[in-house]
C-alpha atoms as a PDB file:
ATOM      1  CA  MET A   1     -13.200   6.140 -13.353  1.00  0.00           C
ATOM      2  CA  ARG A   2     -14.225   4.494 -10.101  1.00  0.00           C
ATOM      3  CA  ASN A   3     -13.102   4.662  -6.819  1.00  0.00           C
ATOM      4  CA  LEU A   4     -12.033   1.016  -5.033  1.00  0.00           C
ATOM      5  CA  TYR A   5     -13.023   0.107  -1.419  1.00  0.00           C
ATOM      6  CA  ILE A   6     -12.555  -3.273   0.050  1.00  0.00           C
ATOM      7  CA  GLU A   7     -13.273  -4.165   3.729  1.00  0.00           C
ATOM      8  CA  GLU A   8     -11.057  -6.033   6.119  1.00  0.00           C
ATOM      9  CA  THR A   9     -11.732  -9.245   6.763  1.00  0.00           C
ATOM     10  CA  THR A  10     -10.917 -11.088   9.948  1.00  0.00           C
ATOM     11  CA  GLY A  11     -10.925 -14.855  10.199  1.00  0.00           C
ATOM     12  CA  ALA A  12      -8.013 -17.502   9.173  1.00  0.00           C
ATOM     13  CA  PHE A  13      -6.965 -15.295   6.672  1.00  0.00           C
ATOM     14  CA  LEU A  14      -6.726 -11.424   6.782  1.00  0.00           C
ATOM     15  CA  THR A  15      -6.968  -8.598   4.364  1.00  0.00           C
ATOM     16  CA  PRO A  16      -6.698  -4.950   5.169  1.00  0.00           C
ATOM     17  CA  GLU A  17      -9.246  -2.309   4.313  1.00  0.00           C
ATOM     18  CA  VAL A  18      -8.587  -0.648   0.906  1.00  0.00           C
ATOM     19  CA  LYS A  19      -9.677   2.528  -0.372  1.00  0.00           C
ATOM     20  CA  LEU A  20      -8.284   3.919  -3.726  1.00  0.00           C
ATOM     21  CA  ASN A  21     -10.007   7.601  -4.767  1.00  0.00           C
ATOM     22  CA  ALA A  22      -9.701   7.833  -8.536  1.00  0.00           C
ATOM     23  CA  ASP A  23     -10.448  11.457  -7.888  1.00  0.00           C
ATOM     24  CA  THR A  24      -8.451  13.259  -5.455  1.00  0.00           C
ATOM     25  CA  GLY A  25      -5.385  10.321  -6.023  1.00  0.00           C
ATOM     26  CA  MET A  26      -5.503   9.306  -1.918  1.00  0.00           C
ATOM     27  CA  CYS A  27      -5.064   5.909  -1.498  1.00  0.00           C
ATOM     28  CA  SER A  28      -4.852   3.877   1.650  1.00  0.00           C
ATOM     29  CA  LEU A  29      -4.200   0.270   3.152  1.00  0.00           C
ATOM     30  CA  GLU A  30      -5.151  -0.532   6.777  1.00  0.00           C
ATOM     31  CA  GLY A  31      -5.038  -3.349   8.567  1.00  0.00           C
ATOM     32  CA  GLU A  32      -3.492  -7.238   8.425  1.00  0.00           C
ATOM     33  CA  SER A  33      -2.149  -8.575   5.382  1.00  0.00           C
ATOM     34  CA  PHE A  34      -2.129 -12.166   6.779  1.00  0.00           C
ATOM     35  CA  ILE A  35      -2.988 -14.215   2.883  1.00  0.00           C
ATOM     36  CA  GLU A  36      -2.945 -17.696   1.475  1.00  0.00           C
ATOM     37  CA  ASN A  37      -3.090 -16.031  -2.282  1.00  0.00           C
ATOM     38  CA  PRO A  38      -2.202 -12.709  -2.014  1.00  0.00           C
ATOM     39  CA  ARG A  39      -1.927 -11.941  -5.749  1.00  0.00           C
ATOM     40  CA  GLU A  40      -5.844 -12.683  -5.968  1.00  0.00           C
ATOM     41  CA  PHE A  41      -6.737  -9.939  -3.442  1.00  0.00           C
ATOM     42  CA  TYR A  42      -4.049  -7.666  -4.614  1.00  0.00           C
ATOM     43  CA  GLN A  43      -5.158  -8.083  -8.594  1.00  0.00           C
ATOM     44  CA  PRO A  44      -7.839  -5.673  -8.237  1.00  0.00           C
ATOM     45  CA  ILE A  45      -5.733  -3.247  -6.575  1.00  0.00           C
ATOM     46  CA  ILE A  46      -2.869  -3.458  -9.163  1.00  0.00           C
ATOM     47  CA  GLU A  47      -5.612  -2.938 -12.167  1.00  0.00           C
ATOM     48  CA  TRP A  48      -6.828  -0.161 -10.372  1.00  0.00           C
ATOM     49  CA  ILE A  49      -3.351   1.407 -10.411  1.00  0.00           C
ATOM     50  CA  ASP A  50      -2.931   0.372 -13.944  1.00  0.00           C
ATOM     51  CA  THR A  51      -6.108   2.279 -14.851  1.00  0.00           C
ATOM     52  CA  TYR A  52      -5.617   5.258 -12.599  1.00  0.00           C
ATOM     53  CA  MET A  53      -1.712   5.898 -14.458  1.00  0.00           C
ATOM     54  CA  LYS A  54      -3.802   5.686 -18.330  1.00  0.00           C
ATOM     55  CA  GLU A  55      -6.794   7.439 -17.554  1.00  0.00           C
ATOM     56  CA  VAL A  56      -6.523   9.429 -14.799  1.00  0.00           C
ATOM     57  CA  GLN A  57      -2.836  10.252 -15.002  1.00  0.00           C
ATOM     58  CA  GLY A  58      -2.589  12.568 -11.788  1.00  0.00           C
ATOM     59  CA  ASN A  59      -0.612  12.355  -8.712  1.00  0.00           C
ATOM     60  CA  MET A  60      -1.002   9.912  -5.547  1.00  0.00           C
ATOM     61  CA  SER A  61      -0.501   9.884  -1.992  1.00  0.00           C
ATOM     62  CA  TRP A  62      -0.589   6.286  -0.081  1.00  0.00           C
ATOM     63  CA  ASP A  63      -1.720   5.944   3.443  1.00  0.00           C
ATOM     64  CA  LEU A  64      -0.131   2.284   4.365  1.00  0.00           C
ATOM     65  CA  LYS A  65      -1.187   1.317   8.003  1.00  0.00           C
ATOM     66  CA  PHE A  66      -0.209  -2.138   8.226  1.00  0.00           C
ATOM     67  CA  LEU A  67      -0.346  -4.514  11.406  1.00  0.00           C
ATOM     68  CA  TYR A  68       1.348  -7.589   9.992  1.00  0.00           C
ATOM     69  CA  LEU A  69       2.505  -8.187   6.252  1.00  0.00           C
ATOM     70  CA  ASN A  70       3.109 -11.589   5.396  1.00  0.00           C
ATOM     71  CA  SER A  71       6.056 -12.109   3.010  1.00  0.00           C
ATOM     72  CA  SER A  72       3.818 -13.346   0.029  1.00  0.00           C
ATOM     73  CA  SER A  73       1.773  -9.735   1.268  1.00  0.00           C
ATOM     74  CA  SER A  74       5.289  -8.295   0.893  1.00  0.00           C
ATOM     75  CA  LYS A  75       6.204  -9.741  -2.470  1.00  0.00           C
ATOM     76  CA  ILE A  76       2.942  -7.946  -4.006  1.00  0.00           C
ATOM     77  CA  MET A  77       3.866  -4.435  -1.893  1.00  0.00           C
ATOM     78  CA  SER A  78       7.640  -4.691  -3.313  1.00  0.00           C
ATOM     79  CA  SER A  79       5.664  -5.002  -7.106  1.00  0.00           C
ATOM     80  CA  ILE A  80       3.273  -2.358  -6.248  1.00  0.00           C
ATOM     81  CA  PHE A  81       5.800   0.010  -5.252  1.00  0.00           C
ATOM     82  CA  ARG A  82       8.172  -0.488  -8.428  1.00  0.00           C
ATOM     83  CA  LYS A  83       5.108   0.007 -10.288  1.00  0.00           C
ATOM     84  CA  LEU A  84       4.275   3.198  -8.649  1.00  0.00           C
ATOM     85  CA  LYS A  85       8.191   4.201  -8.846  1.00  0.00           C
ATOM     86  CA  GLU A  86       7.591   3.782 -12.652  1.00  0.00           C
ATOM     87  CA  TYR A  87       4.732   5.887 -12.903  1.00  0.00           C
ATOM     88  CA  GLU A  88       6.493   8.784 -10.817  1.00  0.00           C
ATOM     89  CA  ASP A  89       9.635   8.297 -13.137  1.00  0.00           C
ATOM     90  CA  ASN A  90       7.103   9.020 -16.148  1.00  0.00           C
ATOM     91  CA  GLY A  91       6.700  12.528 -14.127  1.00  0.00           C
ATOM     92  CA  ALA A  92       3.629  11.857 -11.434  1.00  0.00           C
ATOM     93  CA  LYS A  93       4.281  12.703  -7.797  1.00  0.00           C
ATOM     94  CA  ILE A  94       4.186   9.955  -5.275  1.00  0.00           C
ATOM     95  CA  GLU A  95       4.009   9.762  -1.284  1.00  0.00           C
ATOM     96  CA  VAL A  96       4.130   7.435   0.686  1.00  0.00           C
ATOM     97  CA  ASN A  97       3.740   7.565   4.374  1.00  0.00           C
ATOM     98  CA  TRP A  98       4.159   4.106   6.368  1.00  0.00           C
ATOM     99  CA  TYR A  99       2.330   3.917   9.963  1.00  0.00           C
ATOM    100  CA  TYR A 100       4.044   1.900  12.470  1.00  0.00           C
ATOM    101  CA  PRO A 101       3.478   0.973  15.487  1.00  0.00           C
ATOM    102  CA  ASP A 102       6.005   2.739  17.752  1.00  0.00           C
ATOM    103  CA  ASP A 103       6.652  -0.203  19.313  1.00  0.00           C
ATOM    104  CA  ASN A 104       7.259  -2.490  16.259  1.00  0.00           C
ATOM    105  CA  THR A 105      10.747  -2.356  14.669  1.00  0.00           C
ATOM    106  CA  ASP A 106       9.488  -5.218  12.630  1.00  0.00           C
ATOM    107  CA  LEU A 107       7.132  -3.430  10.609  1.00  0.00           C
ATOM    108  CA  LEU A 108       9.643   0.096  11.153  1.00  0.00           C
ATOM    109  CA  GLU A 109      12.296  -1.820   9.176  1.00  0.00           C
ATOM    110  CA  GLU A 110       9.952  -3.465   6.365  1.00  0.00           C
ATOM    111  CA  GLY A 111       8.853   0.221   5.782  1.00  0.00           C
ATOM    112  CA  GLU A 112      12.152   1.228   5.348  1.00  0.00           C
ATOM    113  CA  TYR A 113      13.481  -1.805   3.135  1.00  0.00           C
ATOM    114  CA  PHE A 114      10.596  -1.144   1.037  1.00  0.00           C
ATOM    115  CA  LYS A 115      11.745   2.601   0.930  1.00  0.00           C
ATOM    116  CA  ALA A 116      15.596   1.967  -0.067  1.00  0.00           C
ATOM    117  CA  ALA A 117      14.215  -0.529  -2.636  1.00  0.00           C
ATOM    118  CA  SER A 118      11.655   1.846  -4.553  1.00  0.00           C
ATOM    119  CA  ARG A 119      13.650   4.784  -4.070  1.00  0.00           C
ATOM    120  CA  LEU A 120       9.671   6.476  -3.438  1.00  0.00           C
ATOM    121  CA  LYS A 121       9.609   9.254  -0.941  1.00  0.00           C
ATOM    122  CA  PHE A 122       8.424   7.537   2.345  1.00  0.00           C
ATOM    123  CA  THR A 123       7.519   9.060   5.264  1.00  0.00           C
ATOM    124  CA  MET A 124       8.020   6.673   8.228  1.00  0.00           C
ATOM    125  CA  ILE A 125       5.076   7.546  11.027  1.00  0.00           C
ATOM    126  CA  PRO A 126       5.066   6.085  14.288  1.00  0.00           C
ATOM    127  CA  TYR A 127       1.920   5.477  16.824  1.00  0.00           C
ATOM    128  CA  ALA A 128       0.711   4.359  19.657  1.00  0.00           C
ATOM    129  CA  PHE A 129      -1.673   0.871  19.188  1.00  0.00           C
ATOM    130  CA  GLU A 130      -3.551  -0.152  20.948  1.00  0.00           C
ATOM    131  CA  ASP A 131      -6.021  -3.517  21.092  1.00  0.00           C
END
């Protein structure tokens, strides 16, 4: 199984940097997710997760450091968390580190929502954001 890397994009629509490591189970998404059609962007990530769950069957650790998540991106992330919870329920260990700028209560609340809705182990990690 291959690792997945997607470079962050800027411009009219913003996509996060994606690093998914099949050898270690370490996964990260970092940046902004302001996408008109998030299903198209997130589909390779969902397919990678499906393949990982079938072929590797290892534990996973997710570092999520969003600066912004639009509502359509949030819906896709909810479905990803549901998928990860099913995987966890079948014996895998899943950890999620939710990084948020210490002055951004919206992202903190979004992380808390995902934590409660998914019932995954989330660690909330504030950081000082500098432009």
